[in-house]
Protein backbone atom coordinates (compact mmCIF):
# COMPACT_ATOMS: atom_id res chain seq x y z
CA UNK A 1 -4.03 -4.57 -175.00
CA UNK A 2 -3.22 -4.83 -171.29
CA UNK A 3 -2.24 -1.79 -169.16
CA UNK A 4 0.80 -2.47 -167.06
CA UNK A 5 0.58 -2.08 -163.35
CA UNK A 6 3.49 0.17 -162.62
CA UNK A 7 5.53 0.94 -159.49
CA UNK A 8 5.04 4.67 -159.96
CA UNK A 9 1.47 5.42 -158.99
CA UNK A 10 1.09 9.20 -158.85
CA UNK A 11 1.51 11.72 -161.55
CA UNK A 12 2.23 9.34 -164.43
CA UNK A 13 2.78 11.26 -167.67
CA UNK A 14 2.32 8.13 -169.74
CA UNK A 15 0.56 4.76 -169.58
CA UNK A 16 2.39 1.62 -170.69
CA UNK A 17 0.50 -1.23 -172.41
CA UNK A 18 1.50 -4.76 -173.40
CA UNK A 19 0.29 -5.35 -176.93
CA UNK A 20 0.86 -9.12 -177.50
CA UNK A 21 0.70 -12.59 -175.90
CA UNK A 22 3.75 -14.04 -174.19
CA UNK A 23 6.16 -15.45 -176.78
CA UNK A 24 9.62 -16.80 -177.06
CA UNK A 25 11.24 -17.18 -173.62
CA UNK A 26 7.98 -16.66 -171.78
CA UNK A 27 8.04 -12.86 -172.14
CA UNK A 28 5.98 -10.33 -174.06
CA UNK A 29 7.66 -8.55 -177.04
CA UNK A 30 5.39 -5.65 -178.01
CA UNK A 31 4.59 -2.56 -175.90
CA UNK A 32 2.92 0.79 -176.44
CA UNK A 33 3.34 4.02 -174.43
CA UNK A 34 0.35 6.38 -174.50
CA UNK A 35 -0.14 9.69 -172.98
CA UNK A 36 -1.86 9.07 -169.72
CA UNK A 37 -5.62 9.73 -169.73
CA UNK A 38 -5.25 11.24 -166.26
CA UNK A 39 -3.47 14.33 -167.54
CA UNK A 40 -5.68 17.43 -167.86
CA UNK A 41 -3.95 18.55 -171.10
CA UNK A 42 -4.49 15.26 -172.81
CA UNK A 43 -6.50 15.39 -175.98
CA UNK A 44 -6.94 11.67 -176.94
CA UNK A 45 -4.26 9.37 -175.53
CA UNK A 46 -1.78 9.82 -178.35
CA UNK A 47 0.80 7.14 -178.96
CA UNK A 48 4.20 8.24 -177.76
CA UNK A 49 6.08 5.11 -178.76
CA UNK A 50 5.69 1.44 -179.93
CA UNK A 51 8.54 -0.79 -178.73
CA UNK A 52 9.29 -4.15 -180.39
CA UNK A 53 11.68 -6.45 -178.59
CA UNK A 54 13.84 -9.20 -180.09
CA UNK A 55 11.59 -12.29 -180.38
CA UNK A 56 13.54 -15.42 -180.96
CA UNK A 57 17.23 -16.24 -181.30
CA UNK A 58 19.24 -13.64 -183.08
CA UNK A 59 20.79 -16.36 -185.40
CA UNK A 60 17.45 -17.61 -186.78
CA UNK A 61 16.21 -15.98 -189.96
CA UNK A 62 12.53 -16.16 -188.90
CA UNK A 63 13.12 -14.36 -185.61
CA UNK A 64 11.57 -10.95 -185.22
CA UNK A 65 14.52 -8.54 -184.70
CA UNK A 66 14.00 -5.82 -182.23
CA UNK A 67 15.48 -3.94 -179.31
CA UNK A 68 17.08 -5.61 -176.30
CA UNK A 69 16.35 -4.83 -172.65
CA UNK A 70 19.99 -3.65 -172.42
CA UNK A 71 19.37 -1.15 -175.18
CA UNK A 72 16.64 0.61 -173.20
CA UNK A 73 18.75 0.48 -170.01
CA UNK A 74 21.69 2.09 -171.94
CA UNK A 75 19.43 4.98 -172.88
CA UNK A 76 18.26 5.52 -169.33
CA UNK A 77 21.90 5.25 -168.16
CA UNK A 78 22.94 7.90 -170.57
CA UNK A 79 20.11 10.21 -169.54
CA UNK A 80 20.86 9.87 -165.84
CA UNK A 81 24.54 10.49 -166.53
CA UNK A 82 23.55 13.71 -168.16
CA UNK A 83 21.29 14.70 -165.24
CA UNK A 84 24.14 13.98 -162.83
CA UNK A 85 26.41 16.29 -164.80
CA UNK A 86 23.87 19.09 -164.80
CA UNK A 87 21.70 21.07 -162.47
CA UNK A 88 19.49 18.05 -161.59
CA UNK A 89 22.13 15.86 -159.93
CA UNK A 90 20.70 14.15 -156.91
CA UNK A 91 21.61 11.27 -154.61
CA UNK A 92 18.56 9.38 -155.77
CA UNK A 93 19.52 9.73 -159.45
CA UNK A 94 23.04 8.54 -158.60
CA UNK A 95 21.59 5.49 -156.76
CA UNK A 96 19.30 4.73 -159.70
CA UNK A 97 22.25 5.09 -162.09
CA UNK A 98 24.28 2.65 -159.95
CA UNK A 99 21.56 0.01 -160.04
CA UNK A 100 21.07 0.48 -163.83
CA UNK A 101 24.83 0.02 -164.33
CA UNK A 102 24.70 -3.14 -162.17
CA UNK A 103 21.81 -4.48 -164.16
CA UNK A 104 23.77 -3.88 -167.44
CA UNK A 105 26.86 -5.62 -165.99
CA UNK A 106 24.68 -8.63 -165.08
CA UNK A 107 22.99 -8.75 -168.51
CA UNK A 108 26.41 -8.56 -170.16
CA UNK A 109 27.68 -11.36 -167.93
CA UNK A 110 24.83 -13.55 -169.25
CA UNK A 111 25.85 -12.75 -172.83
CA UNK A 112 29.46 -13.48 -172.16
CA UNK A 113 28.53 -16.79 -170.55
CA UNK A 114 26.45 -17.70 -173.53
CA UNK A 115 29.30 -16.79 -175.91
CA UNK A 116 31.72 -18.94 -173.94
CA UNK A 117 29.27 -21.91 -174.22
CA UNK A 118 28.68 -21.20 -177.94
CA UNK A 119 24.87 -20.91 -177.39
CA UNK A 120 24.41 -17.14 -177.97
CA UNK A 121 21.75 -16.59 -180.59
CA UNK A 122 20.21 -20.01 -180.13
CA UNK A 123 17.34 -21.53 -178.17
CA UNK A 124 19.93 -23.78 -176.28
CA UNK A 125 20.28 -23.20 -172.53
C-alpha cells in the first residue's frame, strides 16, 4: 500500500493509497481512500472507498472489469455543475469544471479514434 503524494497539501479530509503493482497499460488499477490520520475527529482511518479500474481490454473475458477514468471525471463534473447552480458558485469552480470537461472531450476523442481504427477493447495500438 503506497500513499499518493497529492497536489492538495493542507487540510486533506482523506488519504489516497495505491493498492497494487502497475498492470496493464503501465498504470495502477486499485486504490483505497481512507479518512486522513491528520484529522482530530478520526477514530481509526476508516475506509471510505475502494476503487477498481478496468484492467485489460474490455473485449477480453479475463480482463478485470472496473470503472474508467472518465466515469470518475463525469461524477466530479456533475458535482461541480451542481455547485455552480447553487450557493457555492465560484470562478475557480467554473474553471475547474471547464478543465474537467476538456479532459472528458479528449478522453472521448481517444475512444472515437480507437473505434474508427477498430481497435477499441483490444491491446492493439
